Amino acid sequence: MPQLDTSTWLTMILSMFLTLFIIFQLKISKHNFYYNPELTTTKTPKQNNPWETTWTKIYLPLSLPL
């Protein structure tokens, strides 16, 4: 049975990583990124809720007298 020749594996793996790195760098460099994104402020309309206009007293069960 012939022996498996693994002497070129290191060169193949290293060249594969180098090629993949170059390909990804080229792909990423094609993208356009925004350099100064500006914030936009959004205004929320004020809603009048009935519980905001009147004062209500809340009794906790533990604070009631025995």
PDB file of N, CA and C in Angstrom:
ATOM      1  N   MET A   1       0.831  -1.173   0.000  1.00  0.00           N
ATOM      2  CA  MET A   1       0.000   0.000   0.000  1.00  0.00           C
ATOM      3  C   MET A   1       0.885   1.249   0.000  1.00  0.00           C
ATOM      4  N   PRO A   2       0.616   2.188  -0.894  1.00  0.00           N
ATOM      5  CA  PRO A   2       1.506   3.368  -0.979  1.00  0.00           C
ATOM      6  C   PRO A   2       1.278   4.331   0.193  1.00  0.00           C
ATOM      7  N   GLN A   3       2.331   5.009   0.534  1.00  0.00           N
ATOM      8  CA  GLN A   3       2.285   5.972   1.630  1.00  0.00           C
ATOM      9  C   GLN A   3       1.734   7.299   1.120  1.00  0.00           C
ATOM     10  N   LEU A   4       0.920   7.981   1.960  1.00  0.00           N
ATOM     11  CA  LEU A   4       0.348   9.257   1.571  1.00  0.00           C
ATOM     12  C   LEU A   4       1.407  10.345   1.713  1.00  0.00           C
ATOM     13  N   ASP A   5       1.603  11.088   0.651  1.00  0.00           N
ATOM     14  CA  ASP A   5       2.620  12.147   0.649  1.00  0.00           C
ATOM     15  C   ASP A   5       2.001  13.424   1.208  1.00  0.00           C
ATOM     16  N   THR A   6       2.441  13.840   2.377  1.00  0.00           N
ATOM     17  CA  THR A   6       1.885  15.039   3.017  1.00  0.00           C
ATOM     18  C   THR A   6       2.870  16.201   3.018  1.00  0.00           C
ATOM     19  N   SER A   7       3.887  16.129   2.229  1.00  0.00           N
ATOM     20  CA  SER A   7       4.913  17.166   2.269  1.00  0.00           C
ATOM     21  C   SER A   7       4.423  18.491   1.673  1.00  0.00           C
ATOM     22  N   THR A   8       3.452  18.455   0.785  1.00  0.00           N
ATOM     23  CA  THR A   8       3.000  19.699   0.158  1.00  0.00           C
ATOM     24  C   THR A   8       1.765  20.284   0.845  1.00  0.00           C
ATOM     25  N   TRP A   9       1.274  19.648   1.882  1.00  0.00           N
ATOM     26  CA  TRP A   9       0.057  20.125   2.529  1.00  0.00           C
ATOM     27  C   TRP A   9       0.230  21.503   3.164  1.00  0.00           C
ATOM     28  N   LEU A  10       1.341  21.736   3.789  1.00  0.00           N
ATOM     29  CA  LEU A  10       1.566  23.020   4.437  1.00  0.00           C
ATOM     30  C   LEU A  10       1.555  24.156   3.415  1.00  0.00           C
ATOM     31  N   THR A  11       2.197  23.944   2.306  1.00  0.00           N
ATOM     32  CA  THR A  11       2.211  24.986   1.254  1.00  0.00           C
ATOM     33  C   THR A  11       0.817  25.219   0.697  1.00  0.00           C
ATOM     34  N   MET A  12       0.076  24.161   0.520  1.00  0.00           N
ATOM     35  CA  MET A  12      -1.285  24.313  -0.007  1.00  0.00           C
ATOM     36  C   MET A  12      -2.185  25.051   0.984  1.00  0.00           C
ATOM     37  N   ILE A  13      -2.086  24.713   2.247  1.00  0.00           N
ATOM     38  CA  ILE A  13      -2.929  25.348   3.250  1.00  0.00           C
ATOM     39  C   ILE A  13      -2.564  26.823   3.399  1.00  0.00           C
ATOM     40  N   LEU A  14      -1.300  27.120   3.437  1.00  0.00           N
ATOM     41  CA  LEU A  14      -0.882  28.513   3.567  1.00  0.00           C
ATOM     42  C   LEU A  14      -1.273  29.341   2.343  1.00  0.00           C
ATOM     43  N   SER A  15      -1.124  28.767   1.180  1.00  0.00           N
ATOM     44  CA  SER A  15      -1.520  29.510  -0.023  1.00  0.00           C
ATOM     45  C   SER A  15      -3.035  29.682  -0.091  1.00  0.00           C
ATOM     46  N   MET A  16      -3.783  28.714   0.414  1.00  0.00           N
ATOM     47  CA  MET A  16      -5.235  28.846   0.447  1.00  0.00           C
ATOM     48  C   MET A  16      -5.650  29.981   1.383  1.00  0.00           C
ATOM     49  N   PHE A  17      -5.034  30.044   2.570  1.00  0.00           N
ATOM     50  CA  PHE A  17      -5.343  31.135   3.501  1.00  0.00           C
ATOM     51  C   PHE A  17      -4.974  32.497   2.922  1.00  0.00           C
ATOM     52  N   LEU A  18      -3.864  32.568   2.286  1.00  0.00           N
ATOM     53  CA  LEU A  18      -3.437  33.832   1.672  1.00  0.00           C
ATOM     54  C   LEU A  18      -4.404  34.250   0.567  1.00  0.00           C
ATOM     55  N   THR A  19      -4.810  33.309  -0.250  1.00  0.00           N
ATOM     56  CA  THR A  19      -5.757  33.613  -1.325  1.00  0.00           C
ATOM     57  C   THR A  19      -7.107  34.046  -0.769  1.00  0.00           C
ATOM     58  N   LEU A  20      -7.597  33.342   0.243  1.00  0.00           N
ATOM     59  CA  LEU A  20      -8.862  33.733   0.851  1.00  0.00           C
ATOM     60  C   LEU A  20      -8.787  35.111   1.497  1.00  0.00           C
ATOM     61  N   PHE A  21      -7.688  35.406   2.139  1.00  0.00           N
ATOM     62  CA  PHE A  21      -7.515  36.717   2.743  1.00  0.00           C
ATOM     63  C   PHE A  21      -7.544  37.814   1.676  1.00  0.00           C
ATOM     64  N   ILE A  22      -6.864  37.603   0.574  1.00  0.00           N
ATOM     65  CA  ILE A  22      -6.831  38.602  -0.504  1.00  0.00           C
ATOM     66  C   ILE A  22      -8.215  38.771  -1.117  1.00  0.00           C
ATOM     67  N   ILE A  23      -8.913  37.674  -1.324  1.00  0.00           N
ATOM     68  CA  ILE A  23     -10.260  37.750  -1.917  1.00  0.00           C
ATOM     69  C   ILE A  23     -11.206  38.512  -1.003  1.00  0.00           C
ATOM     70  N   PHE A  24     -11.168  38.224   0.291  1.00  0.00           N
ATOM     71  CA  PHE A  24     -12.051  38.933   1.228  1.00  0.00           C
ATOM     72  C   PHE A  24     -11.687  40.406   1.343  1.00  0.00           C
ATOM     73  N   GLN A  25     -10.411  40.701   1.289  1.00  0.00           N
ATOM     74  CA  GLN A  25     -10.010  42.108   1.336  1.00  0.00           C
ATOM     75  C   GLN A  25     -10.509  42.855   0.114  1.00  0.00           C
ATOM     76  N   LEU A  26     -10.457  42.231  -1.032  1.00  0.00           N
ATOM     77  CA  LEU A  26     -10.947  42.872  -2.252  1.00  0.00           C
ATOM     78  C   LEU A  26     -12.462  43.044  -2.206  1.00  0.00           C
ATOM     79  N   LYS A  27     -13.153  42.061  -1.675  1.00  0.00           N
ATOM     80  CA  LYS A  27     -14.612  42.176  -1.577  1.00  0.00           C
ATOM     81  C   LYS A  27     -15.023  43.279  -0.607  1.00  0.00           C
ATOM     82  N   ILE A  28     -14.334  43.362   0.519  1.00  0.00           N
ATOM     83  CA  ILE A  28     -14.677  44.377   1.517  1.00  0.00           C
ATOM     84  C   ILE A  28     -14.343  45.766   1.000  1.00  0.00           C
ATOM     85  N   SER A  29     -13.292  45.897   0.248  1.00  0.00           N
ATOM     86  CA  SER A  29     -12.889  47.223  -0.234  1.00  0.00           C
ATOM     87  C   SER A  29     -13.860  47.777  -1.282  1.00  0.00           C
ATOM     88  N   LYS A  30     -14.708  46.945  -1.841  1.00  0.00           N
ATOM     89  CA  LYS A  30     -15.681  47.407  -2.839  1.00  0.00           C
ATOM     90  C   LYS A  30     -16.894  48.082  -2.199  1.00  0.00           C
ATOM     91  N   HIS A  31     -17.098  47.866  -0.899  1.00  0.00           N
ATOM     92  CA  HIS A  31     -18.272  48.415  -0.226  1.00  0.00           C
ATOM     93  C   HIS A  31     -18.092  49.900   0.046  1.00  0.00           C
ATOM     94  N   ASN A  32     -19.199  50.614  -0.012  1.00  0.00           N
ATOM     95  CA  ASN A  32     -19.193  52.027   0.336  1.00  0.00           C
ATOM     96  C   ASN A  32     -19.728  52.176   1.753  1.00  0.00           C
ATOM     97  N   PHE A  33     -18.915  52.770   2.603  1.00  0.00           N
ATOM     98  CA  PHE A  33     -19.317  52.999   3.973  1.00  0.00           C
ATOM     99  C   PHE A  33     -19.554  54.488   4.180  1.00  0.00           C
ATOM    100  N   TYR A  34     -20.536  54.801   5.010  1.00  0.00           N
ATOM    101  CA  TYR A  34     -20.802  56.199   5.319  1.00  0.00           C
ATOM    102  C   TYR A  34     -19.802  56.666   6.370  1.00  0.00           C
ATOM    103  N   TYR A  35     -19.153  57.775   6.080  1.00  0.00           N
ATOM    104  CA  TYR A  35     -18.121  58.242   6.998  1.00  0.00           C
ATOM    105  C   TYR A  35     -18.728  59.023   8.172  1.00  0.00           C
ATOM    106  N   ASN A  36     -19.710  59.888   7.900  1.00  0.00           N
ATOM    107  CA  ASN A  36     -20.319  60.705   8.944  1.00  0.00           C
ATOM    108  C   ASN A  36     -21.820  60.486   8.977  1.00  0.00           C
ATOM    109  N   PRO A  37     -22.273  59.497   9.660  1.00  0.00           N
ATOM    110  CA  PRO A  37     -23.729  59.329   9.738  1.00  0.00           C
ATOM    111  C   PRO A  37     -24.321  60.426  10.624  1.00  0.00           C
ATOM    112  N   GLU A  38     -25.393  61.032  10.176  1.00  0.00           N
ATOM    113  CA  GLU A  38     -26.010  62.103  10.941  1.00  0.00           C
ATOM    114  C   GLU A  38     -27.251  61.580  11.645  1.00  0.00           C
ATOM    115  N   LEU A  39     -27.424  62.045  12.866  1.00  0.00           N
ATOM    116  CA  LEU A  39     -28.556  61.602  13.657  1.00  0.00           C
ATOM    117  C   LEU A  39     -29.796  62.389  13.251  1.00  0.00           C
ATOM    118  N   THR A  40     -30.895  61.698  13.164  1.00  0.00           N
ATOM    119  CA  THR A  40     -32.156  62.369  12.895  1.00  0.00           C
ATOM    120  C   THR A  40     -33.015  62.274  14.149  1.00  0.00           C
ATOM    121  N   THR A  41     -33.564  63.399  14.551  1.00  0.00           N
ATOM    122  CA  THR A  41     -34.396  63.395  15.749  1.00  0.00           C
ATOM    123  C   THR A  41     -35.843  63.156  15.345  1.00  0.00           C
ATOM    124  N   THR A  42     -36.481  62.309  16.096  1.00  0.00           N
ATOM    125  CA  THR A  42     -37.882  62.014  15.828  1.00  0.00           C
ATOM    126  C   THR A  42     -38.715  62.569  16.970  1.00  0.00           C
ATOM    127  N   LYS A  43     -39.790  63.242  16.638  1.00  0.00           N
ATOM    128  CA  LYS A  43     -40.671  63.797  17.653  1.00  0.00           C
ATOM    129  C   LYS A  43     -41.854  62.862  17.850  1.00  0.00           C
ATOM    130  N   THR A  44     -42.093  62.550  19.094  1.00  0.00           N
ATOM    131  CA  THR A  44     -43.247  61.708  19.405  1.00  0.00           C
ATOM    132  C   THR A  44     -44.393  62.618  19.830  1.00  0.00           C
ATOM    133  N   PRO A  45     -45.552  62.394  19.302  1.00  0.00           N
ATOM    134  CA  PRO A  45     -46.677  63.258  19.685  1.00  0.00           C
ATOM    135  C   PRO A  45     -47.087  62.992  21.131  1.00  0.00           C
ATOM    136  N   LYS A  46     -47.394  64.065  21.831  1.00  0.00           N
ATOM    137  CA  LYS A  46     -47.806  63.948  23.233  1.00  0.00           C
ATOM    138  C   LYS A  46     -49.269  63.538  23.308  1.00  0.00           C
ATOM    139  N   GLN A  47     -49.531  62.451  24.024  1.00  0.00           N
ATOM    140  CA  GLN A  47     -50.896  61.972  24.171  1.00  0.00           C
ATOM    141  C   GLN A  47     -51.373  62.287  25.582  1.00  0.00           C
ATOM    142  N   ASN A  48     -52.569  62.817  25.668  1.00  0.00           N
ATOM    143  CA  ASN A  48     -53.145  63.118  26.974  1.00  0.00           C
ATOM    144  C   ASN A  48     -53.889  61.902  27.500  1.00  0.00           C
ATOM    145  N   ASN A  49     -53.358  61.358  28.564  1.00  0.00           N
ATOM    146  CA  ASN A  49     -53.986  60.207  29.191  1.00  0.00           C
ATOM    147  C   ASN A  49     -54.767  60.677  30.413  1.00  0.00           C
ATOM    148  N   PRO A  50     -55.901  60.068  30.703  1.00  0.00           N
ATOM    149  CA  PRO A  50     -56.696  60.534  31.837  1.00  0.00           C
ATOM    150  C   PRO A  50     -55.980  60.397  33.180  1.00  0.00           C
ATOM    151  N   TRP A  51     -55.094  59.405  33.317  1.00  0.00           N
ATOM    152  CA  TRP A  51     -54.427  59.235  34.601  1.00  0.00           C
ATOM    153  C   TRP A  51     -53.285  60.217  34.795  1.00  0.00           C
ATOM    154  N   GLU A  52     -52.899  60.934  33.743  1.00  0.00           N
ATOM    155  CA  GLU A  52     -51.856  61.938  33.907  1.00  0.00           C
ATOM    156  C   GLU A  52     -52.418  63.263  34.415  1.00  0.00           C
ATOM    157  N   THR A  53     -53.677  63.538  34.153  1.00  0.00           N
ATOM    158  CA  THR A  53     -54.245  64.830  34.531  1.00  0.00           C
ATOM    159  C   THR A  53     -54.749  64.854  35.961  1.00  0.00           C
ATOM    160  N   THR A  54     -55.160  63.734  36.518  1.00  0.00           N
ATOM    161  CA  THR A  54     -55.688  63.718  37.880  1.00  0.00           C
ATOM    162  C   THR A  54     -54.746  62.960  38.797  1.00  0.00           C
ATOM    163  N   TRP A  55     -54.738  63.394  40.048  1.00  0.00           N
ATOM    164  CA  TRP A  55     -53.903  62.737  41.036  1.00  0.00           C
ATOM    165  C   TRP A  55     -54.694  61.622  41.691  1.00  0.00           C
ATOM    166  N   THR A  56     -54.085  60.440  41.771  1.00  0.00           N
ATOM    167  CA  THR A  56     -54.756  59.314  42.423  1.00  0.00           C
ATOM    168  C   THR A  56     -53.870  58.804  43.535  1.00  0.00           C
ATOM    169  N   LYS A  57     -54.496  58.385  44.594  1.00  0.00           N
ATOM    170  CA  LYS A  57     -53.750  57.838  45.713  1.00  0.00           C
ATOM    171  C   LYS A  57     -53.810  56.314  45.631  1.00  0.00           C
ATOM    172  N   ILE A  58     -52.659  55.687  45.750  1.00  0.00           N
ATOM    173  CA  ILE A  58     -52.596  54.231  45.650  1.00  0.00           C
ATOM    174  C   ILE A  58     -52.301  53.688  47.037  1.00  0.00           C
ATOM    175  N   TYR A  59     -53.138  52.756  47.485  1.00  0.00           N
ATOM    176  CA  TYR A  59     -52.937  52.122  48.769  1.00  0.00           C
ATOM    177  C   TYR A  59     -52.298  50.766  48.587  1.00  0.00           C
ATOM    178  N   LEU A  60     -51.211  50.583  49.269  1.00  0.00           N
ATOM    179  CA  LEU A  60     -50.571  49.266  49.223  1.00  0.00           C
ATOM    180  C   LEU A  60     -51.199  48.374  50.274  1.00  0.00           C
ATOM    181  N   PRO A  61     -51.342  47.086  50.009  1.00  0.00           N
ATOM    182  CA  PRO A  61     -51.962  46.188  51.002  1.00  0.00           C
ATOM    183  C   PRO A  61     -51.173  46.131  52.316  1.00  0.00           C
ATOM    184  N   LEU A  62     -49.860  46.295  52.258  1.00  0.00           N
ATOM    185  CA  LEU A  62     -49.061  46.207  53.480  1.00  0.00           C
ATOM    186  C   LEU A  62     -49.149  47.466  54.328  1.00  0.00           C
ATOM    187  N   SER A  63     -49.580  48.580  53.746  1.00  0.00           N
ATOM    188  CA  SER A  63     -49.624  49.822  54.501  1.00  0.00           C
ATOM    189  C   SER A  63     -50.985  50.076  55.145  1.00  0.00           C
ATOM    190  N   LEU A  64     -51.938  49.178  54.942  1.00  0.00           N
ATOM    191  CA  LEU A  64     -53.256  49.350  55.552  1.00  0.00           C
ATOM    192  C   LEU A  64     -53.195  49.004  57.038  1.00  0.00           C
ATOM    193  N   PRO A  65     -53.969  49.730  57.853  1.00  0.00           N
ATOM    194  CA  PRO A  65     -53.969  49.403  59.290  1.00  0.00           C
ATOM    195  C   PRO A  65     -54.692  48.075  59.558  1.00  0.00           C
ATOM    196  N   LEU A  66     -54.304  47.415  60.608  1.00  0.00           N
ATOM    197  CA  LEU A  66     -54.931  46.131  60.952  1.00  0.00           C
ATOM    198  C   LEU A  66     -56.217  46.287  61.690  1.00  0.00           C
TER     199      LEU A  66
END
